[in-house]
Amino acid sequence: MPLPKRRIRLRHIEKNKTGVKKEQAAKVKKTRRPVHTAAGELNEIAAAEFLNKSVQTLRNRRSLGKPPKFKRVGRSVYYMLSDLEDFRTAITRNGTIISE
């Protein structure tokens, strides 16, 4: 009597919970873009680019209550351009950026 065929699962073509292959989900993944509003506000991506920091650094600073100042509108986070400029000059000493 022949043995039943063994089913082999390949990890690289596994599907996630939604039934979409991981490679396809990675290609379709939404990317967030920097936003500058007319009121002089920047979203966290634009602020991170302005300060030459990562978005995660700004998130960590927010959670610790450290500057720069920010405001929330729903789930979005915005920074005033003037606050970012003040923060950048405050951390710059002798032409080098000091991480706080």
PDB file of N, CA and C in Angstrom:
ATOM      1  N   MET A   1       0.844  -1.179   0.000  1.00  0.00           N
ATOM      2  CA  MET A   1       0.000   0.000   0.000  1.00  0.00           C
ATOM      3  C   MET A   1       0.893   1.247   0.000  1.00  0.00           C
ATOM      4  N   PRO A   2       0.692   2.166  -0.963  1.00  0.00           N
ATOM      5  CA  PRO A   2       1.553   3.355  -1.038  1.00  0.00           C
ATOM      6  C   PRO A   2       1.227   4.339   0.079  1.00  0.00           C
ATOM      7  N   LEU A   3       2.265   5.023   0.498  1.00  0.00           N
ATOM      8  CA  LEU A   3       2.089   6.036   1.538  1.00  0.00           C
ATOM      9  C   LEU A   3       1.428   7.279   0.948  1.00  0.00           C
ATOM     10  N   PRO A   4       0.656   8.013   1.763  1.00  0.00           N
ATOM     11  CA  PRO A   4       0.050   9.243   1.245  1.00  0.00           C
ATOM     12  C   PRO A   4       1.131  10.281   0.968  1.00  0.00           C
ATOM     13  N   LYS A   5       0.859  11.122  -0.008  1.00  0.00           N
ATOM     14  CA  LYS A   5       1.823  12.159  -0.345  1.00  0.00           C
ATOM     15  C   LYS A   5       1.967  13.123   0.818  1.00  0.00           C
ATOM     16  N   ARG A   6       3.191  13.496   1.058  1.00  0.00           N
ATOM     17  CA  ARG A   6       3.475  14.424   2.150  1.00  0.00           C
ATOM     18  C   ARG A   6       3.372  15.847   1.628  1.00  0.00           C
ATOM     19  N   ARG A   7       2.671  16.666   2.353  1.00  0.00           N
ATOM     20  CA  ARG A   7       2.487  18.050   1.941  1.00  0.00           C
ATOM     21  C   ARG A   7       3.569  18.913   2.579  1.00  0.00           C
ATOM     22  N   ILE A   8       4.308  19.636   1.772  1.00  0.00           N
ATOM     23  CA  ILE A   8       5.391  20.483   2.258  1.00  0.00           C
ATOM     24  C   ILE A   8       4.944  21.932   2.179  1.00  0.00           C
ATOM     25  N   ARG A   9       5.071  22.633   3.299  1.00  0.00           N
ATOM     26  CA  ARG A   9       4.722  24.058   3.328  1.00  0.00           C
ATOM     27  C   ARG A   9       6.000  24.870   3.214  1.00  0.00           C
ATOM     28  N   LEU A  10       6.051  25.733   2.250  1.00  0.00           N
ATOM     29  CA  LEU A  10       7.203  26.600   2.068  1.00  0.00           C
ATOM     30  C   LEU A  10       6.925  27.931   2.747  1.00  0.00           C
ATOM     31  N   ARG A  11       7.820  28.321   3.619  1.00  0.00           N
ATOM     32  CA  ARG A  11       7.608  29.554   4.378  1.00  0.00           C
ATOM     33  C   ARG A  11       7.589  30.799   3.497  1.00  0.00           C
ATOM     34  N   HIS A  12       8.388  30.811   2.464  1.00  0.00           N
ATOM     35  CA  HIS A  12       8.479  32.018   1.650  1.00  0.00           C
ATOM     36  C   HIS A  12       7.223  32.279   0.819  1.00  0.00           C
ATOM     37  N   ILE A  13       6.327  31.295   0.705  1.00  0.00           N
ATOM     38  CA  ILE A  13       5.083  31.569  -0.009  1.00  0.00           C
ATOM     39  C   ILE A  13       3.867  31.422   0.909  1.00  0.00           C
ATOM     40  N   GLU A  14       4.105  31.454   2.205  1.00  0.00           N
ATOM     41  CA  GLU A  14       2.989  31.388   3.141  1.00  0.00           C
ATOM     42  C   GLU A  14       2.098  32.600   2.983  1.00  0.00           C
ATOM     43  N   LYS A  15       0.851  32.402   3.299  1.00  0.00           N
ATOM     44  CA  LYS A  15      -0.093  33.512   3.240  1.00  0.00           C
ATOM     45  C   LYS A  15      -0.326  34.031   4.650  1.00  0.00           C
ATOM     46  N   ASN A  16      -0.621  35.327   4.742  1.00  0.00           N
ATOM     47  CA  ASN A  16      -0.928  35.886   6.053  1.00  0.00           C
ATOM     48  C   ASN A  16      -2.405  35.663   6.357  1.00  0.00           C
ATOM     49  N   LYS A  17      -2.912  36.241   7.421  1.00  0.00           N
ATOM     50  CA  LYS A  17      -4.284  35.994   7.865  1.00  0.00           C
ATOM     51  C   LYS A  17      -5.332  36.444   6.853  1.00  0.00           C
ATOM     52  N   THR A  18      -4.998  37.418   6.028  1.00  0.00           N
ATOM     53  CA  THR A  18      -5.962  37.909   5.044  1.00  0.00           C
ATOM     54  C   THR A  18      -5.968  37.071   3.773  1.00  0.00           C
ATOM     55  N   GLY A  19      -5.068  36.102   3.666  1.00  0.00           N
ATOM     56  CA  GLY A  19      -5.021  35.255   2.494  1.00  0.00           C
ATOM     57  C   GLY A  19      -4.154  35.806   1.378  1.00  0.00           C
ATOM     58  N   VAL A  20      -3.432  36.876   1.645  1.00  0.00           N
ATOM     59  CA  VAL A  20      -2.560  37.488   0.645  1.00  0.00           C
ATOM     60  C   VAL A  20      -1.136  37.023   0.911  1.00  0.00           C
ATOM     61  N   LYS A  21      -0.422  36.716  -0.153  1.00  0.00           N
ATOM     62  CA  LYS A  21       0.968  36.306   0.022  1.00  0.00           C
ATOM     63  C   LYS A  21       1.773  37.446   0.614  1.00  0.00           C
ATOM     64  N   LYS A  22       2.766  37.104   1.418  1.00  0.00           N
ATOM     65  CA  LYS A  22       3.565  38.114   2.111  1.00  0.00           C
ATOM     66  C   LYS A  22       4.264  39.057   1.140  1.00  0.00           C
ATOM     67  N   GLU A  23       4.760  38.516   0.029  1.00  0.00           N
ATOM     68  CA  GLU A  23       5.449  39.370  -0.942  1.00  0.00           C
ATOM     69  C   GLU A  23       4.501  40.409  -1.528  1.00  0.00           C
ATOM     70  N   GLN A  24       3.267  39.983  -1.807  1.00  0.00           N
ATOM     71  CA  GLN A  24       2.281  40.909  -2.364  1.00  0.00           C
ATOM     72  C   GLN A  24       1.899  41.962  -1.342  1.00  0.00           C
ATOM     73  N   ALA A  25       1.748  41.560  -0.086  1.00  0.00           N
ATOM     74  CA  ALA A  25       1.385  42.513   0.960  1.00  0.00           C
ATOM     75  C   ALA A  25       2.484  43.543   1.152  1.00  0.00           C
ATOM     76  N   ALA A  26       3.735  43.127   1.035  1.00  0.00           N
ATOM     77  CA  ALA A  26       4.848  44.059   1.205  1.00  0.00           C
ATOM     78  C   ALA A  26       4.882  45.073   0.064  1.00  0.00           C
ATOM     79  N   LYS A  27       4.528  44.654  -1.140  1.00  0.00           N
ATOM     80  CA  LYS A  27       4.533  45.565  -2.282  1.00  0.00           C
ATOM     81  C   LYS A  27       3.423  46.607  -2.179  1.00  0.00           C
ATOM     82  N   VAL A  28       2.289  46.215  -1.614  1.00  0.00           N
ATOM     83  CA  VAL A  28       1.124  47.091  -1.562  1.00  0.00           C
ATOM     84  C   VAL A  28       1.124  47.943  -0.298  1.00  0.00           C
ATOM     85  N   LYS A  29       2.051  47.695   0.589  1.00  0.00           N
ATOM     86  CA  LYS A  29       2.083  48.392   1.872  1.00  0.00           C
ATOM     87  C   LYS A  29       2.048  49.909   1.660  1.00  0.00           C
ATOM     88  N   LYS A  30       1.174  50.556   2.399  1.00  0.00           N
ATOM     89  CA  LYS A  30       1.013  51.997   2.239  1.00  0.00           C
ATOM     90  C   LYS A  30       2.222  52.726   2.808  1.00  0.00           C
ATOM     91  N   THR A  31       2.693  53.696   2.065  1.00  0.00           N
ATOM     92  CA  THR A  31       3.790  54.518   2.553  1.00  0.00           C
ATOM     93  C   THR A  31       3.247  55.884   2.902  1.00  0.00           C
ATOM     94  N   ARG A  32       3.689  56.403   4.002  1.00  0.00           N
ATOM     95  CA  ARG A  32       3.248  57.718   4.435  1.00  0.00           C
ATOM     96  C   ARG A  32       4.195  58.755   3.868  1.00  0.00           C
ATOM     97  N   ARG A  33       3.626  59.880   3.471  1.00  0.00           N
ATOM     98  CA  ARG A  33       4.420  60.930   2.852  1.00  0.00           C
ATOM     99  C   ARG A  33       4.516  62.138   3.765  1.00  0.00           C
ATOM    100  N   PRO A  34       5.583  62.921   3.608  1.00  0.00           N
ATOM    101  CA  PRO A  34       5.698  64.153   4.384  1.00  0.00           C
ATOM    102  C   PRO A  34       4.614  65.145   3.972  1.00  0.00           C
ATOM    103  N   VAL A  35       4.039  65.834   4.972  1.00  0.00           N
ATOM    104  CA  VAL A  35       2.974  66.798   4.715  1.00  0.00           C
ATOM    105  C   VAL A  35       3.343  68.123   5.349  1.00  0.00           C
ATOM    106  N   HIS A  36       3.259  69.198   4.559  1.00  0.00           N
ATOM    107  CA  HIS A  36       3.441  70.561   5.048  1.00  0.00           C
ATOM    108  C   HIS A  36       2.110  71.273   4.854  1.00  0.00           C
ATOM    109  N   THR A  37       1.485  71.741   5.933  1.00  0.00           N
ATOM    110  CA  THR A  37       0.211  72.437   5.797  1.00  0.00           C
ATOM    111  C   THR A  37       0.450  73.916   5.565  1.00  0.00           C
ATOM    112  N   ALA A  38      -0.602  74.613   5.160  1.00  0.00           N
ATOM    113  CA  ALA A  38      -0.502  76.053   4.898  1.00  0.00           C
ATOM    114  C   ALA A  38      -0.273  76.840   6.186  1.00  0.00           C
ATOM    115  N   ALA A  39      -0.637  76.262   7.328  1.00  0.00           N
ATOM    116  CA  ALA A  39      -0.483  76.940   8.616  1.00  0.00           C
ATOM    117  C   ALA A  39       0.921  76.777   9.189  1.00  0.00           C
ATOM    118  N   GLY A  40       1.842  76.206   8.430  1.00  0.00           N
ATOM    119  CA  GLY A  40       3.212  76.030   8.904  1.00  0.00           C
ATOM    120  C   GLY A  40       3.383  74.824   9.800  1.00  0.00           C
ATOM    121  N   GLU A  41       2.541  73.814   9.616  1.00  0.00           N
ATOM    122  CA  GLU A  41       2.638  72.585  10.396  1.00  0.00           C
ATOM    123  C   GLU A  41       3.227  71.479   9.529  1.00  0.00           C
ATOM    124  N   LEU A  42       3.980  70.596  10.167  1.00  0.00           N
ATOM    125  CA  LEU A  42       4.574  69.455   9.476  1.00  0.00           C
ATOM    126  C   LEU A  42       4.133  68.186  10.182  1.00  0.00           C
ATOM    127  N   ASN A  43       3.846  67.133   9.413  1.00  0.00           N
ATOM    128  CA  ASN A  43       3.542  65.867  10.066  1.00  0.00           C
ATOM    129  C   ASN A  43       4.844  65.250  10.569  1.00  0.00           C
ATOM    130  N   GLU A  44       4.747  64.107  11.246  1.00  0.00           N
ATOM    131  CA  GLU A  44       5.950  63.558  11.890  1.00  0.00           C
ATOM    132  C   GLU A  44       7.002  63.119  10.881  1.00  0.00           C
ATOM    133  N   ILE A  45       6.602  62.734   9.687  1.00  0.00           N
ATOM    134  CA  ILE A  45       7.580  62.326   8.687  1.00  0.00           C
ATOM    135  C   ILE A  45       8.356  63.528   8.183  1.00  0.00           C
ATOM    136  N   ALA A  46       7.647  64.616   7.885  1.00  0.00           N
ATOM    137  CA  ALA A  46       8.311  65.836   7.425  1.00  0.00           C
ATOM    138  C   ALA A  46       9.182  66.421   8.532  1.00  0.00           C
ATOM    139  N   ALA A  47       8.705  66.345   9.785  1.00  0.00           N
ATOM    140  CA  ALA A  47       9.485  66.860  10.911  1.00  0.00           C
ATOM    141  C   ALA A  47      10.766  66.058  11.096  1.00  0.00           C
ATOM    142  N   ALA A  48      10.682  64.742  10.945  1.00  0.00           N
ATOM    143  CA  ALA A  48      11.871  63.895  11.073  1.00  0.00           C
ATOM    144  C   ALA A  48      12.889  64.226   9.983  1.00  0.00           C
ATOM    145  N   GLU A  49      12.408  64.460   8.768  1.00  0.00           N
ATOM    146  CA  GLU A  49      13.315  64.843   7.685  1.00  0.00           C
ATOM    147  C   GLU A  49      13.946  66.201   7.964  1.00  0.00           C
ATOM    148  N   PHE A  50      13.159  67.135   8.491  1.00  0.00           N
ATOM    149  CA  PHE A  50      13.650  68.478   8.789  1.00  0.00           C
ATOM    150  C   PHE A  50      14.757  68.442   9.837  1.00  0.00           C
ATOM    151  N   LEU A  51      14.598  67.571  10.850  1.00  0.00           N
ATOM    152  CA  LEU A  51      15.563  67.484  11.948  1.00  0.00           C
ATOM    153  C   LEU A  51      16.673  66.464  11.691  1.00  0.00           C
ATOM    154  N   ASN A  52      16.605  65.750  10.579  1.00  0.00           N
ATOM    155  CA  ASN A  52      17.557  64.664  10.292  1.00  0.00           C
ATOM    156  C   ASN A  52      17.551  63.617  11.396  1.00  0.00           C
ATOM    157  N   LYS A  53      16.379  63.298  11.876  1.00  0.00           N
ATOM    158  CA  LYS A  53      16.171  62.255  12.885  1.00  0.00           C
ATOM    159  C   LYS A  53      15.210  61.230  12.305  1.00  0.00           C
ATOM    160  N   SER A  54      15.085  60.094  12.960  1.00  0.00           N
ATOM    161  CA  SER A  54      14.115  59.104  12.507  1.00  0.00           C
ATOM    162  C   SER A  54      12.747  59.412  13.107  1.00  0.00           C
ATOM    163  N   VAL A  55      11.715  58.889  12.474  1.00  0.00           N
ATOM    164  CA  VAL A  55      10.352  59.071  12.974  1.00  0.00           C
ATOM    165  C   VAL A  55      10.236  58.430  14.352  1.00  0.00           C
ATOM    166  N   GLN A  56      10.886  57.290  14.537  1.00  0.00           N
ATOM    167  CA  GLN A  56      10.823  56.600  15.826  1.00  0.00           C
ATOM    168  C   GLN A  56      11.458  57.433  16.932  1.00  0.00           C
ATOM    169  N   THR A  57      12.497  58.193  16.629  1.00  0.00           N
ATOM    170  CA  THR A  57      13.109  59.071  17.626  1.00  0.00           C
ATOM    171  C   THR A  57      12.105  60.118  18.088  1.00  0.00           C
ATOM    172  N   LEU A  58      11.379  60.706  17.150  1.00  0.00           N
ATOM    173  CA  LEU A  58      10.362  61.695  17.528  1.00  0.00           C
ATOM    174  C   LEU A  58       9.258  61.047  18.352  1.00  0.00           C
ATOM    175  N   ARG A  59       8.857  59.842  18.001  1.00  0.00           N
ATOM    176  CA  ARG A  59       7.824  59.137  18.779  1.00  0.00           C
ATOM    177  C   ARG A  59       8.309  58.867  20.197  1.00  0.00           C
ATOM    178  N   ASN A  60       9.558  58.435  20.326  1.00  0.00           N
ATOM    179  CA  ASN A  60      10.111  58.174  21.658  1.00  0.00           C
ATOM    180  C   ASN A  60      10.154  59.449  22.489  1.00  0.00           C
ATOM    181  N   ARG A  61      10.566  60.550  21.882  1.00  0.00           N
ATOM    182  CA  ARG A  61      10.639  61.824  22.598  1.00  0.00           C
ATOM    183  C   ARG A  61       9.246  62.271  23.030  1.00  0.00           C
ATOM    184  N   ARG A  62       8.246  62.066  22.168  1.00  0.00           N
ATOM    185  CA  ARG A  62       6.870  62.424  22.536  1.00  0.00           C
ATOM    186  C   ARG A  62       6.406  61.627  23.734  1.00  0.00           C
ATOM    187  N   SER A  63       6.688  60.336  23.733  1.00  0.00           N
ATOM    188  CA  SER A  63       6.218  59.490  24.835  1.00  0.00           C
ATOM    189  C   SER A  63       6.904  59.837  26.152  1.00  0.00           C
ATOM    190  N   LEU A  64       8.123  60.383  26.073  1.00  0.00           N
ATOM    191  CA  LEU A  64       8.846  60.787  27.283  1.00  0.00           C
ATOM    192  C   LEU A  64       8.534  62.223  27.695  1.00  0.00           C
ATOM    193  N   GLY A  65       7.764  62.939  26.874  1.00  0.00           N
ATOM    194  CA  GLY A  65       7.418  64.324  27.186  1.00  0.00           C
ATOM    195  C   GLY A  65       8.529  65.310  26.891  1.00  0.00           C
ATOM    196  N   LYS A  66       9.455  64.937  26.023  1.00  0.00           N
ATOM    197  CA  LYS A  66      10.575  65.814  25.677  1.00  0.00           C
ATOM    198  C   LYS A  66      10.214  66.663  24.462  1.00  0.00           C
ATOM    199  N   PRO A  67      10.916  67.804  24.287  1.00  0.00           N
ATOM    200  CA  PRO A  67      10.646  68.632  23.108  1.00  0.00           C
ATOM    201  C   PRO A  67      11.060  67.902  21.832  1.00  0.00           C
ATOM    202  N   PRO A  68      10.580  68.330  20.702  1.00  0.00           N
ATOM    203  CA  PRO A  68       9.829  69.541  20.371  1.00  0.00           C
ATOM    204  C   PRO A  68       8.335  69.391  20.662  1.00  0.00           C
ATOM    205  N   LYS A  69       7.664  70.539  20.779  1.00  0.00           N
ATOM    206  CA  LYS A  69       6.229  70.547  21.050  1.00  0.00           C
ATOM    207  C   LYS A  69       5.485  69.972  19.852  1.00  0.00           C
ATOM    208  N   PHE A  70       4.353  69.353  20.126  1.00  0.00           N
ATOM    209  CA  PHE A  70       3.547  68.762  19.063  1.00  0.00           C
ATOM    210  C   PHE A  70       2.077  68.915  19.409  1.00  0.00           C
ATOM    211  N   LYS A  71       1.229  68.664  18.429  1.00  0.00           N
ATOM    212  CA  LYS A  71      -0.205  68.616  18.700  1.00  0.00           C
ATOM    213  C   LYS A  71      -0.808  67.473  17.907  1.00  0.00           C
ATOM    214  N   ARG A  72      -1.855  66.913  18.470  1.00  0.00           N
ATOM    215  CA  ARG A  72      -2.552  65.804  17.832  1.00  0.00           C
ATOM    216  C   ARG A  72      -3.869  66.295  17.241  1.00  0.00           C
ATOM    217  N   VAL A  73      -4.142  65.822  16.049  1.00  0.00           N
ATOM    218  CA  VAL A  73      -5.435  66.050  15.416  1.00  0.00           C
ATOM    219  C   VAL A  73      -5.927  64.670  15.012  1.00  0.00           C
ATOM    220  N   GLY A  74      -6.818  64.120  15.818  1.00  0.00           N
ATOM    221  CA  GLY A  74      -7.228  62.732  15.607  1.00  0.00           C
ATOM    222  C   GLY A  74      -6.054  61.819  15.895  1.00  0.00           C
ATOM    223  N   ARG A  75      -5.687  61.000  14.920  1.00  0.00           N
ATOM    224  CA  ARG A  75      -4.522  60.120  15.084  1.00  0.00           C
ATOM    225  C   ARG A  75      -3.255  60.727  14.520  1.00  0.00           C
ATOM    226  N   SER A  76      -3.386  61.862  13.860  1.00  0.00           N
ATOM    227  CA  SER A  76      -2.227  62.500  13.235  1.00  0.00           C
ATOM    228  C   SER A  76      -1.492  63.383  14.224  1.00  0.00           C
ATOM    229  N   VAL A  77      -0.185  63.492  14.040  1.00  0.00           N
ATOM    230  CA  VAL A  77       0.661  64.325  14.897  1.00  0.00           C
ATOM    231  C   VAL A  77       1.283  65.402  14.024  1.00  0.00           C
ATOM    232  N   TYR A  78       1.224  66.651  14.509  1.00  0.00           N
ATOM    233  CA  TYR A  78       1.789  67.771  13.764  1.00  0.00           C
ATOM    234  C   TYR A  78       2.736  68.564  14.644  1.00  0.00           C
ATOM    235  N   TYR A  79       3.770  69.106  14.006  1.00  0.00           N
ATOM    236  CA  TYR A  79       4.747  69.967  14.664  1.00  0.00           C
ATOM    237  C   TYR A  79       4.723  71.317  13.961  1.00  0.00           C
ATOM    238  N   MET A  80       4.797  72.404  14.725  1.00  0.00           N
ATOM    239  CA  MET A  80       4.901  73.734  14.134  1.00  0.00           C
ATOM    240  C   MET A  80       6.333  73.920  13.641  1.00  0.00           C
ATOM    241  N   LEU A  81       6.480  74.531  12.480  1.00  0.00           N
ATOM    242  CA  LEU A  81       7.801  74.747  11.904  1.00  0.00           C
ATOM    243  C   LEU A  81       8.660  75.612  12.815  1.00  0.00           C
ATOM    244  N   SER A  82       8.055  76.624  13.442  1.00  0.00           N
ATOM    245  CA  SER A  82       8.821  77.496  14.342  1.00  0.00           C
ATOM    246  C   SER A  82       9.342  76.721  15.555  1.00  0.00           C
ATOM    247  N   ASP A  83       8.532  75.787  16.086  1.00  0.00           N
ATOM    248  CA  ASP A  83       8.983  74.961  17.212  1.00  0.00           C
ATOM    249  C   ASP A  83      10.142  74.051  16.800  1.00  0.00           C
ATOM    250  N   LEU A  84      10.077  73.524  15.591  1.00  0.00           N
ATOM    251  CA  LEU A  84      11.159  72.661  15.109  1.00  0.00           C
ATOM    252  C   LEU A  84      12.448  73.449  14.911  1.00  0.00           C
ATOM    253  N   GLU A  85      12.323  74.672  14.400  1.00  0.00           N
ATOM    254  CA  GLU A  85      13.514  75.508  14.226  1.00  0.00           C
ATOM    255  C   GLU A  85      14.131  75.854  15.575  1.00  0.00           C
ATOM    256  N   ASP A  86      13.288  76.194  16.569  1.00  0.00           N
ATOM    257  CA  ASP A  86      13.790  76.482  17.913  1.00  0.00           C
ATOM    258  C   ASP A  86      14.483  75.260  18.507  1.00  0.00           C
ATOM    259  N   PHE A  87      13.882  74.094  18.321  1.00  0.00           N
ATOM    260  CA  PHE A  87      14.462  72.862  18.844  1.00  0.00           C
ATOM    261  C   PHE A  87      15.804  72.575  18.178  1.00  0.00           C
ATOM    262  N   ARG A  88      15.876  72.772  16.874  1.00  0.00           N
ATOM    263  CA  ARG A  88      17.124  72.500  16.152  1.00  0.00           C
ATOM    264  C   ARG A  88      18.235  73.436  16.601  1.00  0.00           C
ATOM    265  N   THR A  89      17.918  74.713  16.831  1.00  0.00           N
ATOM    266  CA  THR A  89      18.954  75.637  17.299  1.00  0.00           C
ATOM    267  C   THR A  89      19.339  75.343  18.744  1.00  0.00           C
ATOM    268  N   ALA A  90      18.402  74.835  19.540  1.00  0.00           N
ATOM    269  CA  ALA A  90      18.703  74.524  20.938  1.00  0.00           C
ATOM    270  C   ALA A  90      19.656  73.337  21.063  1.00  0.00           C
ATOM    271  N   ILE A  91      19.546  72.372  20.150  1.00  0.00           N
ATOM    272  CA  ILE A  91      20.413  71.195  20.263  1.00  0.00           C
ATOM    273  C   ILE A  91      21.701  71.347  19.468  1.00  0.00           C
ATOM    274  N   THR A  92      21.853  72.440  18.766  1.00  0.00           N
ATOM    275  CA  THR A  92      23.069  72.661  17.986  1.00  0.00           C
ATOM    276  C   THR A  92      24.034  73.524  18.788  1.00  0.00           C
ATOM    277  N   ARG A  93      25.209  72.997  19.036  1.00  0.00           N
ATOM    278  CA  ARG A  93      26.235  73.749  19.762  1.00  0.00           C
ATOM    279  C   ARG A  93      27.542  73.611  19.006  1.00  0.00           C
ATOM    280  N   ASN A  94      28.159  74.729  18.711  1.00  0.00           N
ATOM    281  CA  ASN A  94      29.450  74.743  18.011  1.00  0.00           C
ATOM    282  C   ASN A  94      29.415  73.973  16.688  1.00  0.00           C
ATOM    283  N   GLY A  95      28.285  74.014  16.020  1.00  0.00           N
ATOM    284  CA  GLY A  95      28.173  73.369  14.718  1.00  0.00           C
ATOM    285  C   GLY A  95      27.946  71.876  14.764  1.00  0.00           C
ATOM    286  N   THR A  96      27.821  71.282  15.945  1.00  0.00           N
ATOM    287  CA  THR A  96      27.553  69.852  16.033  1.00  0.00           C
ATOM    288  C   THR A  96      26.205  69.646  16.695  1.00  0.00           C
ATOM    289  N   ILE A  97      25.516  68.624  16.280  1.00  0.00           N
ATOM    290  CA  ILE A  97      24.206  68.347  16.852  1.00  0.00           C
ATOM    291  C   ILE A  97      24.377  67.421  18.044  1.00  0.00           C
ATOM    292  N   ILE A  98      23.841  67.861  19.160  1.00  0.00           N
ATOM    293  CA  ILE A  98      23.901  67.095  20.397  1.00  0.00           C
ATOM    294  C   ILE A  98      22.577  66.355  20.547  1.00  0.00           C
ATOM    295  N   SER A  99      22.604  65.028  20.725  1.00  0.00           N
ATOM    296  CA  SER A  99      21.358  64.295  20.954  1.00  0.00           C
ATOM    297  C   SER A  99      21.021  64.378  22.428  1.00  0.00           C
ATOM    298  N   GLU A 100      19.762  64.652  22.696  1.00  0.00           N
ATOM    299  CA  GLU A 100      19.336  64.816  24.098  1.00  0.00           C
ATOM    300  C   GLU A 100      18.626  63.592  24.580  1.00  0.00           C
TER     301      GLU A 100
END
